[in-house]
Amino acid sequence: MIGSLIYYTDTHAFFDHFHDEIEELREQYEDELGEPLRISGDLKNWLAWLEFEGLAYHMVNDDLGLGI
């Protein structure tokens, strides 16, 4: 489904390109949770997917108003 985020080289490039936005989102999540995120596995891959899935979630809820 997400052809551009299949391999670690893809997710690492995505992370590097959107580093500032990803770090901002991570800080927001940690503030909401009141604790650090528990990242397992490859850091860049994990955070790239966090950003991508967060963006998709907000697009569905905010832009399309589907209320998932």
N, C-alpha and C. Protein backbone atom coordinates (compact mmCIF):
# COMPACT_ATOMS: atom_id res chain seq x y z
N MET A 1 0.82 -1.19 0.00
CA MET A 1 0.00 0.00 0.00
C MET A 1 0.86 1.26 0.00
N ILE A 2 1.91 1.27 0.79
CA ILE A 2 2.79 2.43 0.88
C ILE A 2 4.11 2.06 0.23
N GLY A 3 4.17 2.18 -1.06
CA GLY A 3 5.33 1.75 -1.82
C GLY A 3 6.61 2.49 -1.53
N SER A 4 6.50 3.71 -1.04
CA SER A 4 7.73 4.48 -0.81
C SER A 4 8.29 4.29 0.59
N LEU A 5 7.66 3.46 1.42
CA LEU A 5 8.16 3.22 2.78
C LEU A 5 8.29 1.72 3.05
N ILE A 6 8.85 1.01 2.11
CA ILE A 6 8.98 -0.44 2.27
C ILE A 6 10.29 -0.82 2.97
N TYR A 7 11.37 -0.26 2.52
CA TYR A 7 12.70 -0.65 3.01
C TYR A 7 13.24 0.37 3.99
N TYR A 8 14.18 -0.06 4.83
CA TYR A 8 14.81 0.85 5.77
C TYR A 8 15.43 2.05 5.06
N THR A 9 15.99 1.85 3.89
CA THR A 9 16.57 2.99 3.17
C THR A 9 15.49 4.02 2.86
N ASP A 10 14.26 3.55 2.58
CA ASP A 10 13.14 4.45 2.32
C ASP A 10 12.72 5.19 3.58
N THR A 11 12.54 4.46 4.68
CA THR A 11 12.08 5.09 5.91
C THR A 11 13.16 6.00 6.50
N HIS A 12 14.42 5.64 6.31
CA HIS A 12 15.51 6.49 6.79
C HIS A 12 15.55 7.79 6.01
N ALA A 13 15.35 7.72 4.69
CA ALA A 13 15.32 8.93 3.86
C ALA A 13 14.13 9.81 4.25
N PHE A 14 12.97 9.19 4.49
CA PHE A 14 11.78 9.91 4.93
C PHE A 14 12.05 10.61 6.26
N PHE A 15 12.65 9.88 7.19
CA PHE A 15 12.98 10.45 8.50
C PHE A 15 13.94 11.63 8.35
N ASP A 16 14.98 11.45 7.56
CA ASP A 16 15.97 12.52 7.38
C ASP A 16 15.33 13.76 6.76
N HIS A 17 14.43 13.56 5.80
CA HIS A 17 13.78 14.68 5.12
C HIS A 17 12.83 15.43 6.05
N PHE A 18 12.10 14.70 6.88
CA PHE A 18 11.08 15.30 7.74
C PHE A 18 11.48 15.29 9.23
N HIS A 19 12.78 15.31 9.49
CA HIS A 19 13.28 15.19 10.85
C HIS A 19 12.63 16.16 11.82
N ASP A 20 12.58 17.44 11.47
CA ASP A 20 12.04 18.44 12.39
C ASP A 20 10.57 18.18 12.70
N GLU A 21 9.78 17.85 11.68
CA GLU A 21 8.37 17.57 11.89
C GLU A 21 8.15 16.32 12.74
N ILE A 22 8.99 15.31 12.50
CA ILE A 22 8.89 14.06 13.25
C ILE A 22 9.24 14.30 14.72
N GLU A 23 10.29 15.06 14.98
CA GLU A 23 10.66 15.34 16.36
C GLU A 23 9.58 16.16 17.07
N GLU A 24 8.95 17.08 16.35
CA GLU A 24 7.86 17.87 16.93
C GLU A 24 6.68 16.97 17.30
N LEU A 25 6.34 16.05 16.40
CA LEU A 25 5.26 15.12 16.68
C LEU A 25 5.60 14.20 17.84
N ARG A 26 6.83 13.73 17.89
CA ARG A 26 7.25 12.86 18.99
C ARG A 26 7.13 13.59 20.33
N GLU A 27 7.58 14.84 20.37
CA GLU A 27 7.48 15.63 21.60
C GLU A 27 6.02 15.83 22.00
N GLN A 28 5.16 16.06 21.01
CA GLN A 28 3.74 16.24 21.28
C GLN A 28 3.14 14.97 21.89
N TYR A 29 3.45 13.82 21.31
CA TYR A 29 2.95 12.55 21.84
C TYR A 29 3.47 12.31 23.26
N GLU A 30 4.75 12.57 23.48
CA GLU A 30 5.32 12.35 24.80
C GLU A 30 4.70 13.28 25.84
N ASP A 31 4.41 14.52 25.45
CA ASP A 31 3.73 15.45 26.36
C ASP A 31 2.33 14.94 26.71
N GLU A 32 1.62 14.43 25.70
CA GLU A 32 0.27 13.91 25.94
C GLU A 32 0.29 12.67 26.83
N LEU A 33 1.29 11.81 26.62
CA LEU A 33 1.40 10.59 27.41
C LEU A 33 1.99 10.83 28.79
N GLY A 34 2.79 11.87 28.92
CA GLY A 34 3.47 12.15 30.17
C GLY A 34 4.68 11.28 30.41
N GLU A 35 5.17 10.64 29.37
CA GLU A 35 6.36 9.79 29.46
C GLU A 35 6.95 9.62 28.07
N PRO A 36 8.21 9.21 28.00
CA PRO A 36 8.83 9.01 26.69
C PRO A 36 8.19 7.84 25.93
N LEU A 37 8.20 7.93 24.61
CA LEU A 37 7.74 6.81 23.79
C LEU A 37 8.70 5.65 23.95
N ARG A 38 8.17 4.46 23.92
CA ARG A 38 9.01 3.24 24.00
C ARG A 38 9.26 2.77 22.58
N ILE A 39 10.40 3.15 22.06
CA ILE A 39 10.75 2.84 20.68
C ILE A 39 11.49 1.53 20.63
N SER A 40 10.99 0.62 19.81
CA SER A 40 11.67 -0.67 19.67
C SER A 40 12.17 -0.82 18.24
N GLY A 41 13.29 -1.48 18.10
CA GLY A 41 13.84 -1.70 16.78
C GLY A 41 14.58 -0.48 16.25
N ASP A 42 14.54 -0.32 14.96
CA ASP A 42 15.26 0.74 14.27
C ASP A 42 14.60 2.10 14.54
N LEU A 43 15.33 3.02 15.13
CA LEU A 43 14.81 4.33 15.55
C LEU A 43 14.20 5.11 14.38
N LYS A 44 14.96 5.27 13.31
CA LYS A 44 14.46 6.06 12.18
C LYS A 44 13.23 5.42 11.54
N ASN A 45 13.23 4.12 11.41
CA ASN A 45 12.09 3.42 10.83
C ASN A 45 10.85 3.60 11.70
N TRP A 46 11.02 3.40 13.00
CA TRP A 46 9.91 3.50 13.94
C TRP A 46 9.31 4.89 13.92
N LEU A 47 10.16 5.93 13.96
CA LEU A 47 9.67 7.30 13.99
C LEU A 47 9.10 7.74 12.64
N ALA A 48 9.65 7.23 11.54
CA ALA A 48 9.09 7.54 10.23
C ALA A 48 7.66 7.01 10.13
N TRP A 49 7.44 5.80 10.60
CA TRP A 49 6.09 5.24 10.56
C TRP A 49 5.16 5.94 11.54
N LEU A 50 5.68 6.38 12.68
CA LEU A 50 4.87 7.16 13.61
C LEU A 50 4.35 8.42 12.92
N GLU A 51 5.23 9.12 12.23
CA GLU A 51 4.84 10.34 11.53
C GLU A 51 3.84 10.04 10.41
N PHE A 52 4.13 9.02 9.62
CA PHE A 52 3.25 8.69 8.50
C PHE A 52 1.86 8.31 8.99
N GLU A 53 1.80 7.45 9.99
CA GLU A 53 0.50 7.01 10.51
C GLU A 53 -0.23 8.16 11.21
N GLY A 54 0.52 9.02 11.90
CA GLY A 54 -0.10 10.18 12.53
C GLY A 54 -0.67 11.13 11.51
N LEU A 55 0.05 11.33 10.43
CA LEU A 55 -0.43 12.20 9.35
C LEU A 55 -1.69 11.61 8.72
N ALA A 56 -1.68 10.32 8.45
CA ALA A 56 -2.85 9.67 7.86
C ALA A 56 -4.06 9.78 8.80
N TYR A 57 -3.85 9.58 10.08
CA TYR A 57 -4.92 9.68 11.07
C TYR A 57 -5.53 11.08 11.07
N HIS A 58 -4.67 12.10 11.08
CA HIS A 58 -5.16 13.47 11.11
C HIS A 58 -5.86 13.85 9.81
N MET A 59 -5.39 13.32 8.68
CA MET A 59 -6.04 13.61 7.41
C MET A 59 -7.46 13.05 7.41
N VAL A 60 -7.61 11.85 7.91
CA VAL A 60 -8.93 11.21 7.93
C VAL A 60 -9.86 11.94 8.88
N ASN A 61 -9.37 12.29 10.05
CA ASN A 61 -10.22 12.95 11.06
C ASN A 61 -10.45 14.42 10.76
N ASP A 62 -9.39 15.15 10.51
CA ASP A 62 -9.50 16.60 10.37
C ASP A 62 -9.92 17.02 8.96
N ASP A 63 -9.29 16.46 7.96
CA ASP A 63 -9.54 16.90 6.59
C ASP A 63 -10.82 16.27 6.01
N LEU A 64 -11.03 15.00 6.29
CA LEU A 64 -12.19 14.32 5.74
C LEU A 64 -13.35 14.25 6.71
N GLY A 65 -13.09 14.48 7.98
CA GLY A 65 -14.14 14.48 8.98
C GLY A 65 -14.81 13.14 9.19
N LEU A 66 -14.07 12.06 9.02
CA LEU A 66 -14.65 10.72 9.16
C LEU A 66 -14.71 10.26 10.61
N GLY A 67 -13.99 10.91 11.49
CA GLY A 67 -14.06 10.62 12.92
C GLY A 67 -13.72 9.21 13.33
N ILE A 68 -12.53 8.78 12.98
CA ILE A 68 -12.09 7.44 13.39
C ILE A 68 -11.66 7.46 14.82
